[in-house]
PDB file of N, CA and C in Angstrom:
ATOM      1  N   MET A   1      14.874  21.842  74.819  1.00  0.00           N
ATOM      2  CA  MET A   1      14.641  20.663  73.847  1.00  0.00           C
ATOM      3  C   MET A   1      13.964  19.574  74.761  1.00  0.00           C
ATOM      4  N   VAL A   2      12.791  19.216  74.367  1.00  0.00           N
ATOM      5  CA  VAL A   2      12.163  18.073  75.100  1.00  0.00           C
ATOM      6  C   VAL A   2      12.501  16.862  74.197  1.00  0.00           C
ATOM      7  N   THR A   3      12.946  15.755  74.740  1.00  0.00           N
ATOM      8  CA  THR A   3      13.367  14.582  74.070  1.00  0.00           C
ATOM      9  C   THR A   3      12.120  13.587  74.032  1.00  0.00           C
ATOM     10  N   ASP A   4      12.375  12.410  73.331  1.00  0.00           N
ATOM     11  CA  ASP A   4      11.389  11.482  73.152  1.00  0.00           C
ATOM     12  C   ASP A   4      11.413  10.350  74.363  1.00  0.00           C
ATOM     13  N   CYS A   5      12.072  10.798  75.354  1.00  0.00           N
ATOM     14  CA  CYS A   5      12.433   9.904  76.546  1.00  0.00           C
ATOM     15  C   CYS A   5      11.739  10.488  77.768  1.00  0.00           C
ATOM     16  N   ILE A   6      11.216   9.444  78.636  1.00  0.00           N
ATOM     17  CA  ILE A   6      10.443   9.861  79.787  1.00  0.00           C
ATOM     18  C   ILE A   6      11.035   9.189  80.917  1.00  0.00           C
ATOM     19  N   VAL A   7      10.577   9.587  82.197  1.00  0.00           N
ATOM     20  CA  VAL A   7      10.783   9.016  83.470  1.00  0.00           C
ATOM     21  C   VAL A   7       9.438   8.487  84.050  1.00  0.00           C
ATOM     22  N   VAL A   8       9.248   7.374  84.317  1.00  0.00           N
ATOM     23  CA  VAL A   8       7.920   6.788  84.811  1.00  0.00           C
ATOM     24  C   VAL A   8       8.211   6.574  86.208  1.00  0.00           C
ATOM     25  N   LEU A   9       7.295   7.058  87.090  1.00  0.00           N
ATOM     26  CA  LEU A   9       7.248   6.755  88.552  1.00  0.00           C
ATOM     27  C   LEU A   9       6.234   5.861  88.828  1.00  0.00           C
ATOM     28  N   VAL A  10       6.572   4.806  89.672  1.00  0.00           N
ATOM     29  CA  VAL A  10       5.725   3.757  90.178  1.00  0.00           C
ATOM     30  C   VAL A  10       6.001   3.471  91.635  1.00  0.00           C
ATOM     31  N   THR A  11       4.956   3.351  92.463  1.00  0.00           N
ATOM     32  CA  THR A  11       5.149   3.094  93.801  1.00  0.00           C
ATOM     33  C   THR A  11       4.863   1.631  93.935  1.00  0.00           C
ATOM     34  N   VAL A  12       5.460   0.859  94.865  1.00  0.00           N
ATOM     35  CA  VAL A  12       5.290  -0.504  95.142  1.00  0.00           C
ATOM     36  C   VAL A  12       5.274  -0.792  96.581  1.00  0.00           C
ATOM     37  N   SER A  13       4.686  -2.044  97.059  1.00  0.00           N
ATOM     38  CA  SER A  13       4.547  -2.251  98.398  1.00  0.00           C
ATOM     39  C   SER A  13       5.817  -2.816  99.173  1.00  0.00           C
ATOM     40  N   SER A  14       6.744  -3.242  98.403  1.00  0.00           N
ATOM     41  CA  SER A  14       7.894  -3.899  98.811  1.00  0.00           C
ATOM     42  C   SER A  14       9.021  -3.747  98.005  1.00  0.00           C
ATOM     43  N   LEU A  15      10.261  -3.977  98.545  1.00  0.00           N
ATOM     44  CA  LEU A  15      11.472  -4.033  97.646  1.00  0.00           C
ATOM     45  C   LEU A  15      11.390  -5.318  96.725  1.00  0.00           C
ATOM     46  N   THR A  16      10.860  -6.358  97.319  1.00  0.00           N
ATOM     47  CA  THR A  16      10.670  -7.681  96.491  1.00  0.00           C
ATOM     48  C   THR A  16       9.820  -7.414  95.253  1.00  0.00           C
ATOM     49  N   GLU A  17       8.724  -6.842  95.497  1.00  0.00           N
ATOM     50  CA  GLU A  17       7.818  -6.493  94.338  1.00  0.00           C
ATOM     51  C   GLU A  17       8.580  -5.481  93.337  1.00  0.00           C
ATOM     52  N   GLY A  18       9.221  -4.517  93.768  1.00  0.00           N
ATOM     53  CA  GLY A  18       9.956  -3.598  93.060  1.00  0.00           C
ATOM     54  C   GLY A  18      11.070  -4.204  92.185  1.00  0.00           C
ATOM     55  N   GLU A  19      11.722  -5.212  92.818  1.00  0.00           N
ATOM     56  CA  GLU A  19      12.847  -5.974  92.051  1.00  0.00           C
ATOM     57  C   GLU A  19      12.182  -6.802  91.043  1.00  0.00           C
ATOM     58  N   ARG A  20      11.098  -7.464  91.290  1.00  0.00           N
ATOM     59  CA  ARG A  20      10.424  -8.290  90.316  1.00  0.00           C
ATOM     60  C   ARG A  20       9.941  -7.481  89.111  1.00  0.00           C
ATOM     61  N   ILE A  21       9.347  -6.298  89.358  1.00  0.00           N
ATOM     62  CA  ILE A  21       8.849  -5.498  88.202  1.00  0.00           C
ATOM     63  C   ILE A  21      10.111  -4.970  87.489  1.00  0.00           C
ATOM     64  N   ALA A  22      11.170  -4.542  88.173  1.00  0.00           N
ATOM     65  CA  ALA A  22      12.333  -3.930  87.621  1.00  0.00           C
ATOM     66  C   ALA A  22      13.022  -4.983  86.575  1.00  0.00           C
ATOM     67  N   GLN A  23      13.269  -6.129  87.157  1.00  0.00           N
ATOM     68  CA  GLN A  23      13.880  -7.331  86.373  1.00  0.00           C
ATOM     69  C   GLN A  23      12.993  -7.499  85.072  1.00  0.00           C
ATOM     70  N   THR A  24      11.758  -7.523  85.150  1.00  0.00           N
ATOM     71  CA  THR A  24      10.842  -7.979  84.105  1.00  0.00           C
ATOM     72  C   THR A  24      10.972  -6.743  83.055  1.00  0.00           C
ATOM     73  N   VAL A  25      10.651  -5.561  83.396  1.00  0.00           N
ATOM     74  CA  VAL A  25      10.575  -4.525  82.387  1.00  0.00           C
ATOM     75  C   VAL A  25      11.959  -4.091  81.715  1.00  0.00           C
ATOM     76  N   VAL A  26      13.001  -4.330  82.415  1.00  0.00           N
ATOM     77  CA  VAL A  26      14.272  -4.170  81.743  1.00  0.00           C
ATOM     78  C   VAL A  26      14.581  -5.312  81.008  1.00  0.00           C
ATOM     79  N   GLY A  27      14.283  -6.535  81.384  1.00  0.00           N
ATOM     80  CA  GLY A  27      14.586  -7.777  80.615  1.00  0.00           C
ATOM     81  C   GLY A  27      13.760  -7.802  79.361  1.00  0.00           C
ATOM     82  N   GLU A  28      12.628  -7.273  79.408  1.00  0.00           N
ATOM     83  CA  GLU A  28      11.827  -7.167  78.158  1.00  0.00           C
ATOM     84  C   GLU A  28      11.960  -5.897  77.260  1.00  0.00           C
ATOM     85  N   HIS A  29      12.990  -5.146  77.610  1.00  0.00           N
ATOM     86  CA  HIS A  29      13.383  -3.943  76.875  1.00  0.00           C
ATOM     87  C   HIS A  29      12.170  -2.862  76.910  1.00  0.00           C
ATOM     88  N   LEU A  30      11.463  -2.980  77.992  1.00  0.00           N
ATOM     89  CA  LEU A  30      10.393  -1.953  77.977  1.00  0.00           C
ATOM     90  C   LEU A  30      10.916  -0.684  78.781  1.00  0.00           C
ATOM     91  N   ALA A  31      12.144  -0.834  79.453  1.00  0.00           N
ATOM     92  CA  ALA A  31      12.802   0.228  80.177  1.00  0.00           C
ATOM     93  C   ALA A  31      14.283   0.005  80.151  1.00  0.00           C
ATOM     94  N   ALA A  32      14.965   1.093  80.056  1.00  0.00           N
ATOM     95  CA  ALA A  32      16.516   0.978  80.007  1.00  0.00           C
ATOM     96  C   ALA A  32      17.043   0.776  81.428  1.00  0.00           C
ATOM     97  N   CYS A  33      16.279   1.300  82.460  1.00  0.00           N
ATOM     98  CA  CYS A  33      16.883   1.275  83.759  1.00  0.00           C
ATOM     99  C   CYS A  33      15.802   1.563  84.708  1.00  0.00           C
ATOM    100  N   VAL A  34      15.866   0.902  85.907  1.00  0.00           N
ATOM    101  CA  VAL A  34      14.945   1.230  86.999  1.00  0.00           C
ATOM    102  C   VAL A  34      15.698   1.283  88.320  1.00  0.00           C
ATOM    103  N   ASN A  35      15.535   2.478  88.989  1.00  0.00           N
ATOM    104  CA  ASN A  35      16.049   2.674  90.181  1.00  0.00           C
ATOM    105  C   ASN A  35      14.947   2.437  91.224  1.00  0.00           C
ATOM    106  N   ARG A  36      15.436   1.772  92.298  1.00  0.00           N
ATOM    107  CA  ARG A  36      14.561   1.481  93.454  1.00  0.00           C
ATOM    108  C   ARG A  36      14.979   2.339  94.647  1.00  0.00           C
ATOM    109  N   VAL A  37      14.114   3.293  95.074  1.00  0.00           N
ATOM    110  CA  VAL A  37      14.376   4.234  96.071  1.00  0.00           C
ATOM    111  C   VAL A  37      13.412   3.867  97.318  1.00  0.00           C
ATOM    112  N   GLY A  38      13.955   3.805  98.415  1.00  0.00           N
ATOM    113  CA  GLY A  38      13.159   3.643  99.618  1.00  0.00           C
ATOM    114  C   GLY A  38      13.810   2.980 100.845  1.00  0.00           C
ATOM    115  N   PRO A  39      13.039   2.642 101.794  1.00  0.00           N
ATOM    116  CA  PRO A  39      11.658   2.839 101.830  1.00  0.00           C
ATOM    117  C   PRO A  39      11.343   4.303 101.894  1.00  0.00           C
ATOM    118  N   ILE A  40      10.179   4.726 101.373  1.00  0.00           N
ATOM    119  CA  ILE A  40       9.551   5.989 101.527  1.00  0.00           C
ATOM    120  C   ILE A  40       8.371   5.911 102.262  1.00  0.00           C
ATOM    121  N   ARG A  41       7.739   6.985 102.775  1.00  0.00           N
ATOM    122  CA  ARG A  41       6.548   7.081 103.477  1.00  0.00           C
ATOM    123  C   ARG A  41       5.523   7.832 102.643  1.00  0.00           C
ATOM    124  N   SER A  42       4.392   7.277 102.216  1.00  0.00           N
ATOM    125  CA  SER A  42       3.346   7.840 101.347  1.00  0.00           C
ATOM    126  C   SER A  42       2.142   8.034 102.153  1.00  0.00           C
ATOM    127  N   THR A  43       1.622   9.224 101.974  1.00  0.00           N
ATOM    128  CA  THR A  43       0.439   9.620 102.536  1.00  0.00           C
ATOM    129  C   THR A  43      -0.556   9.969 101.363  1.00  0.00           C
ATOM    130  N   TYR A  44      -1.727   9.262 101.316  1.00  0.00           N
ATOM    131  CA  TYR A  44      -2.658   9.393 100.172  1.00  0.00           C
ATOM    132  C   TYR A  44      -4.066   9.156 100.622  1.00  0.00           C
ATOM    133  N   PHE A  45      -5.000   9.582  99.868  1.00  0.00           N
ATOM    134  CA  PHE A  45      -6.455   9.422 100.083  1.00  0.00           C
ATOM    135  C   PHE A  45      -6.844   8.166  99.239  1.00  0.00           C
ATOM    136  N   TRP A  46      -7.580   7.126  99.945  1.00  0.00           N
ATOM    137  CA  TRP A  46      -7.914   5.909  99.369  1.00  0.00           C
ATOM    138  C   TRP A  46      -9.169   5.412 100.094  1.00  0.00           C
ATOM    139  N   GLU A  47     -10.155   5.080  99.313  1.00  0.00           N
ATOM    140  CA  GLU A  47     -11.270   4.431  99.751  1.00  0.00           C
ATOM    141  C   GLU A  47     -11.916   5.205 101.069  1.00  0.00           C
ATOM    142  N   GLY A  48     -11.972   6.601 100.823  1.00  0.00           N
ATOM    143  CA  GLY A  48     -12.598   7.481 101.855  1.00  0.00           C
ATOM    144  C   GLY A  48     -11.780   7.781 102.998  1.00  0.00           C
ATOM    145  N   GLN A  49     -10.506   7.361 103.067  1.00  0.00           N
ATOM    146  CA  GLN A  49      -9.635   7.820 104.210  1.00  0.00           C
ATOM    147  C   GLN A  49      -8.133   8.123 103.805  1.00  0.00           C
ATOM    148  N   VAL A  50      -7.599   8.813 104.712  1.00  0.00           N
ATOM    149  CA  VAL A  50      -6.195   9.114 104.529  1.00  0.00           C
ATOM    150  C   VAL A  50      -5.358   7.946 104.945  1.00  0.00           C
ATOM    151  N   GLN A  51      -4.471   7.581 104.079  1.00  0.00           N
ATOM    152  CA  GLN A  51      -3.732   6.341 104.407  1.00  0.00           C
ATOM    153  C   GLN A  51      -2.281   6.761 104.568  1.00  0.00           C
ATOM    154  N   ASN A  52      -1.606   6.086 105.422  1.00  0.00           N
ATOM    155  CA  ASN A  52      -0.008   6.255 105.494  1.00  0.00           C
ATOM    156  C   ASN A  52       0.617   4.858 105.450  1.00  0.00           C
ATOM    157  N   ASP A  53       1.443   4.647 104.388  1.00  0.00           N
ATOM    158  CA  ASP A  53       2.097   3.356 104.190  1.00  0.00           C
ATOM    159  C   ASP A  53       3.554   3.610 103.826  1.00  0.00           C
ATOM    160  N   GLU A  54       4.305   2.553 104.139  1.00  0.00           N
ATOM    161  CA  GLU A  54       5.760   2.475 103.719  1.00  0.00           C
ATOM    162  C   GLU A  54       5.680   1.951 102.202  1.00  0.00           C
ATOM    163  N   GLU A  55       6.300   2.535 101.371  1.00  0.00           N
ATOM    164  CA  GLU A  55       6.378   2.069  99.923  1.00  0.00           C
ATOM    165  C   GLU A  55       7.791   2.218  99.516  1.00  0.00           C
ATOM    166  N   TRP A  56       8.098   1.692  98.323  1.00  0.00           N
ATOM    167  CA  TRP A  56       9.276   1.905  97.487  1.00  0.00           C
ATOM    168  C   TRP A  56       8.915   2.626  96.226  1.00  0.00           C
ATOM    169  N   LEU A  57       9.768   3.385  95.758  1.00  0.00           N
ATOM    170  CA  LEU A  57       9.504   4.203  94.521  1.00  0.00           C
ATOM    171  C   LEU A  57      10.407   3.640  93.409  1.00  0.00           C
ATOM    172  N   LEU A  58       9.857   3.358  92.336  1.00  0.00           N
ATOM    173  CA  LEU A  58      10.556   2.866  91.135  1.00  0.00           C
ATOM    174  C   LEU A  58      10.682   3.988  90.145  1.00  0.00           C
ATOM    175  N   VAL A  59      11.779   4.374  89.785  1.00  0.00           N
ATOM    176  CA  VAL A  59      12.102   5.451  88.840  1.00  0.00           C
ATOM    177  C   VAL A  59      12.549   4.742  87.537  1.00  0.00           C
ATOM    178  N   ILE A  60      11.696   4.835  86.562  1.00  0.00           N
ATOM    179  CA  ILE A  60      11.947   3.963  85.423  1.00  0.00           C
ATOM    180  C   ILE A  60      12.171   4.846  84.181  1.00  0.00           C
ATOM    181  N   LYS A  61      13.256   4.608  83.526  1.00  0.00           N
ATOM    182  CA  LYS A  61      13.658   5.390  82.364  1.00  0.00           C
ATOM    183  C   LYS A  61      13.307   4.641  81.001  1.00  0.00           C
ATOM    184  N   THR A  62      12.604   5.315  80.026  1.00  0.00           N
ATOM    185  CA  THR A  62      12.211   4.584  78.821  1.00  0.00           C
ATOM    186  C   THR A  62      11.892   5.716  77.922  1.00  0.00           C
ATOM    187  N   ARG A  63      11.321   5.166  76.640  1.00  0.00           N
ATOM    188  CA  ARG A  63      10.955   6.201  75.621  1.00  0.00           C
ATOM    189  C   ARG A  63       9.470   6.256  75.676  1.00  0.00           C
ATOM    190  N   ALA A  64       8.979   7.604  75.319  1.00  0.00           N
ATOM    191  CA  ALA A  64       7.505   7.810  75.459  1.00  0.00           C
ATOM    192  C   ALA A  64       6.865   6.769  74.556  1.00  0.00           C
ATOM    193  N   ALA A  65       7.422   6.305  73.392  1.00  0.00           N
ATOM    194  CA  ALA A  65       6.613   5.403  72.561  1.00  0.00           C
ATOM    195  C   ALA A  65       6.429   4.004  73.246  1.00  0.00           C
ATOM    196  N   ARG A  66       7.135   3.696  74.301  1.00  0.00           N
ATOM    197  CA  ARG A  66       7.086   2.460  75.125  1.00  0.00           C
ATOM    198  C   ARG A  66       6.084   2.545  76.276  1.00  0.00           C
ATOM    199  N   PHE A  67       5.544   3.876  76.546  1.00  0.00           N
ATOM    200  CA  PHE A  67       4.757   3.940  77.748  1.00  0.00           C
ATOM    201  C   PHE A  67       3.604   2.989  77.926  1.00  0.00           C
ATOM    202  N   ASP A  68       2.740   2.867  76.810  1.00  0.00           N
ATOM    203  CA  ASP A  68       1.478   1.959  77.021  1.00  0.00           C
ATOM    204  C   ASP A  68       1.896   0.638  77.307  1.00  0.00           C
ATOM    205  N   GLU A  69       2.861   0.041  76.570  1.00  0.00           N
ATOM    206  CA  GLU A  69       3.323  -1.255  76.865  1.00  0.00           C
ATOM    207  C   GLU A  69       3.971  -1.466  78.243  1.00  0.00           C
ATOM    208  N   LEU A  70       4.730  -0.534  78.647  1.00  0.00           N
ATOM    209  CA  LEU A  70       5.316  -0.540  80.022  1.00  0.00           C
ATOM    210  C   LEU A  70       4.200  -0.440  81.032  1.00  0.00           C
ATOM    211  N   ALA A  71       3.246   0.391  80.881  1.00  0.00           N
ATOM    212  CA  ALA A  71       2.181   0.523  81.805  1.00  0.00           C
ATOM    213  C   ALA A  71       1.370  -0.741  81.996  1.00  0.00           C
ATOM    214  N   ALA A  72       0.993  -1.273  80.806  1.00  0.00           N
ATOM    215  CA  ALA A  72       0.204  -2.543  80.796  1.00  0.00           C
ATOM    216  C   ALA A  72       1.082  -3.548  81.644  1.00  0.00           C
ATOM    217  N   ARG A  73       2.269  -3.788  81.310  1.00  0.00           N
ATOM    218  CA  ARG A  73       3.146  -4.738  81.989  1.00  0.00           C
ATOM    219  C   ARG A  73       3.198  -4.534  83.354  1.00  0.00           C
ATOM    220  N   VAL A  74       3.429  -3.264  83.912  1.00  0.00           N
ATOM    221  CA  VAL A  74       3.396  -3.007  85.183  1.00  0.00           C
ATOM    222  C   VAL A  74       2.105  -3.328  85.982  1.00  0.00           C
ATOM    223  N   ARG A  75       1.050  -2.929  85.264  1.00  0.00           N
ATOM    224  CA  ARG A  75      -0.263  -3.290  85.887  1.00  0.00           C
ATOM    225  C   ARG A  75      -0.501  -4.827  86.166  1.00  0.00           C
ATOM    226  N   ALA A  76       0.033  -5.681  85.118  1.00  0.00           N
ATOM    227  CA  ALA A  76      -0.105  -7.083  85.252  1.00  0.00           C
ATOM    228  C   ALA A  76       0.716  -7.553  86.349  1.00  0.00           C
ATOM    229  N   LEU A  77       1.935  -7.026  86.645  1.00  0.00           N
ATOM    230  CA  LEU A  77       2.641  -7.421  87.731  1.00  0.00           C
ATOM    231  C   LEU A  77       2.496  -6.905  89.055  1.00  0.00           C
ATOM    232  N   HIS A  78       1.775  -5.789  89.130  1.00  0.00           N
ATOM    233  CA  HIS A  78       1.618  -4.984  90.337  1.00  0.00           C
ATOM    234  C   HIS A  78       0.441  -5.697  91.290  1.00  0.00           C
ATOM    235  N   SER A  79       0.703  -5.495  92.592  1.00  0.00           N
ATOM    236  CA  SER A  79      -0.186  -5.985  93.454  1.00  0.00           C
ATOM    237  C   SER A  79      -1.324  -5.009  93.924  1.00  0.00           C
ATOM    238  N   TYR A  80      -1.210  -3.615  93.633  1.00  0.00           N
ATOM    239  CA  TYR A  80      -2.211  -2.744  93.730  1.00  0.00           C
ATOM    240  C   TYR A  80      -3.369  -2.745  92.872  1.00  0.00           C
ATOM    241  N   GLN A  81      -4.581  -2.463  93.274  1.00  0.00           N
ATOM    242  CA  GLN A  81      -5.694  -2.391  92.517  1.00  0.00           C
ATOM    243  C   GLN A  81      -5.405  -1.260  91.398  1.00  0.00           C
ATOM    244  N   THR A  82      -5.076  -0.052  91.903  1.00  0.00           N
ATOM    245  CA  THR A  82      -4.840   1.101  91.133  1.00  0.00           C
ATOM    246  C   THR A  82      -3.342   1.559  91.365  1.00  0.00           C
ATOM    247  N   PRO A  83      -2.427   1.036  90.709  1.00  0.00           N
ATOM    248  CA  PRO A  83      -1.041   1.525  90.849  1.00  0.00           C
ATOM    249  C   PRO A  83      -0.698   2.699  90.401  1.00  0.00           C
ATOM    250  N   GLU A  84       0.191   3.510  91.047  1.00  0.00           N
ATOM    251  CA  GLU A  84       0.626   4.821  90.478  1.00  0.00           C
ATOM    252  C   GLU A  84       1.490   4.506  89.332  1.00  0.00           C
ATOM    253  N   ILE A  85       1.188   4.907  88.089  1.00  0.00           N
ATOM    254  CA  ILE A  85       2.055   4.836  86.940  1.00  0.00           C
ATOM    255  C   ILE A  85       2.005   6.198  86.261  1.00  0.00           C
ATOM    256  N   ILE A  86       2.939   7.099  86.492  1.00  0.00           N
ATOM    257  CA  ILE A  86       2.812   8.397  85.959  1.00  0.00           C
ATOM    258  C   ILE A  86       4.113   8.689  85.111  1.00  0.00           C
ATOM    259  N   ALA A  87       3.991   9.470  84.061  1.00  0.00           N
ATOM    260  CA  ALA A  87       5.325   9.600  83.204  1.00  0.00           C
ATOM    261  C   ALA A  87       5.578  11.230  83.141  1.00  0.00           C
ATOM    262  N   LEU A  88       6.807  11.491  83.347  1.00  0.00           N
ATOM    263  CA  LEU A  88       7.348  12.902  83.199  1.00  0.00           C
ATOM    264  C   LEU A  88       8.368  12.892  82.027  1.00  0.00           C
ATOM    265  N   PRO A  89       8.303  13.969  81.166  1.00  0.00           N
ATOM    266  CA  PRO A  89       9.221  14.127  80.137  1.00  0.00           C
ATOM    267  C   PRO A  89      10.590  14.455  80.617  1.00  0.00           C
ATOM    268  N   ILE A  90      11.554  13.923  79.894  1.00  0.00           N
ATOM    269  CA  ILE A  90      12.957  14.312  80.092  1.00  0.00           C
ATOM    270  C   ILE A  90      13.272  15.392  79.186  1.00  0.00           C
ATOM    271  N   ALA A  91      13.372  16.518  79.729  1.00  0.00           N
ATOM    272  CA  ALA A  91      13.563  17.833  78.920  1.00  0.00           C
ATOM    273  C   ALA A  91      14.950  17.985  78.407  1.00  0.00           C
ATOM    274  N   GLU A  92      16.036  17.489  79.132  1.00  0.00           N
ATOM    275  CA  GLU A  92      17.268  17.648  78.601  1.00  0.00           C
ATOM    276  C   GLU A  92      18.158  16.318  79.147  1.00  0.00           C
ATOM    277  N   GLY A  93      19.161  15.991  78.540  1.00  0.00           N
ATOM    278  CA  GLY A  93      20.053  14.949  78.904  1.00  0.00           C
ATOM    279  C   GLY A  93      21.230  14.829  78.021  1.00  0.00           C
ATOM    280  N   THR A  94      22.337  14.189  78.385  1.00  0.00           N
ATOM    281  CA  THR A  94      23.474  14.037  77.578  1.00  0.00           C
ATOM    282  C   THR A  94      23.048  13.181  76.465  1.00  0.00           C
ATOM    283  N   GLU A  95      23.575  13.501  75.304  1.00  0.00           N
ATOM    284  CA  GLU A  95      23.301  12.576  74.198  1.00  0.00           C
ATOM    285  C   GLU A  95      23.639  11.256  74.332  1.00  0.00           C
ATOM    286  N   ALA A  96      24.860  10.965  74.930  1.00  0.00           N
ATOM    287  CA  ALA A  96      25.324   9.607  75.164  1.00  0.00           C
ATOM    288  C   ALA A  96      24.239   8.777  76.020  1.00  0.00           C
ATOM    289  N   TYR A  97      23.845   9.374  76.965  1.00  0.00           N
ATOM    290  CA  TYR A  97      22.855   8.799  77.878  1.00  0.00           C
ATOM    291  C   TYR A  97      21.508   8.482  77.164  1.00  0.00           C
ATOM    292  N   LEU A  98      21.099   9.500  76.522  1.00  0.00           N
ATOM    293  CA  LEU A  98      19.738   9.311  75.828  1.00  0.00           C
ATOM    294  C   LEU A  98      19.872   8.268  74.577  1.00  0.00           C
ATOM    295  N   ASP A  99      21.115   8.334  74.012  1.00  0.00           N
ATOM    296  CA  ASP A  99      21.283   7.151  72.919  1.00  0.00           C
ATOM    297  C   ASP A  99      21.249   5.959  73.445  1.00  0.00           C
ATOM    298  N   TRP A 100      21.929   5.683  74.633  1.00  0.00           N
ATOM    299  CA  TRP A 100      21.897   4.367  75.322  1.00  0.00           C
ATOM    300  C   TRP A 100      20.512   3.987  75.799  1.00  0.00           C
ATOM    301  N   LEU A 101      19.740   5.002  76.236  1.00  0.00           N
ATOM    302  CA  LEU A 101      18.353   4.673  76.699  1.00  0.00           C
ATOM    303  C   LEU A 101      17.503   4.291  75.547  1.00  0.00           C
ATOM    304  N   ARG A 102      17.671   4.886  74.363  1.00  0.00           N
ATOM    305  CA  ARG A 102      16.948   4.562  73.146  1.00  0.00           C
ATOM    306  C   ARG A 102      17.276   3.210  72.659  1.00  0.00           C
ATOM    307  N   THR A 103      18.573   2.832  72.675  1.00  0.00           N
ATOM    308  CA  THR A 103      18.980   1.528  72.294  1.00  0.00           C
ATOM    309  C   THR A 103      18.460   0.538  73.117  1.00  0.00           C
ATOM    310  N   ALA A 104      18.565   0.686  74.403  1.00  0.00           N
ATOM    311  CA  ALA A 104      18.237  -0.326  75.440  1.00  0.00           C
ATOM    312  C   ALA A 104      16.775  -0.618  75.371  1.00  0.00           C
ATOM    313  N   THR A 105      16.032   0.251  74.849  1.00  0.00           N
ATOM    314  CA  THR A 105      14.588   0.072  74.874  1.00  0.00           C
ATOM    315  C   THR A 105      13.960  -0.301  73.402  1.00  0.00           C
ATOM    316  N   GLU A 106      14.811  -0.570  72.364  1.00  0.00           N
ATOM    317  CA  GLU A 106      14.380  -1.107  71.207  1.00  0.00           C
ATOM    318  C   GLU A 106      13.748  -2.412  71.242  1.00  0.00           C
ATOM    319  N   ARG A 107      12.773  -2.733  70.348  1.00  0.00           N
ATOM    320  CA  ARG A 107      12.319  -4.096  70.467  1.00  0.00           C
ATOM    321  C   ARG A 107      13.330  -5.105  69.777  1.00  0.00           C
ATOM    322  N   PHE A 108      13.411  -6.177  70.309  1.00  0.00           N
ATOM    323  CA  PHE A 108      14.334  -7.216  69.881  1.00  0.00           C
ATOM    324  C   PHE A 108      13.404  -8.533  69.445  1.00  0.00           C
TER     325      PHE A 108
END
């Protein structure tokens, strides 16, 4: 059973930036929860070169219907020119948790 809920992954340059984005998207009910994981080491191809940087990973839980608004808000708050904002479906979850997630991301 695939649910209407998703996990959105976003990398940020610092814990401070991650906290600012997390506080905003949860406060605006665009996400039910944001976990900050890190620091992590990212290797990626950018502007013709392989880059290696320390980053933080945001694990954002929300509903698929809120993705476009969430992505727009993250882009507005993010320091990167092209931030990673990718969504993965939540295939399974406990009903109590998924109900809470849906309630926390309702428009108020």
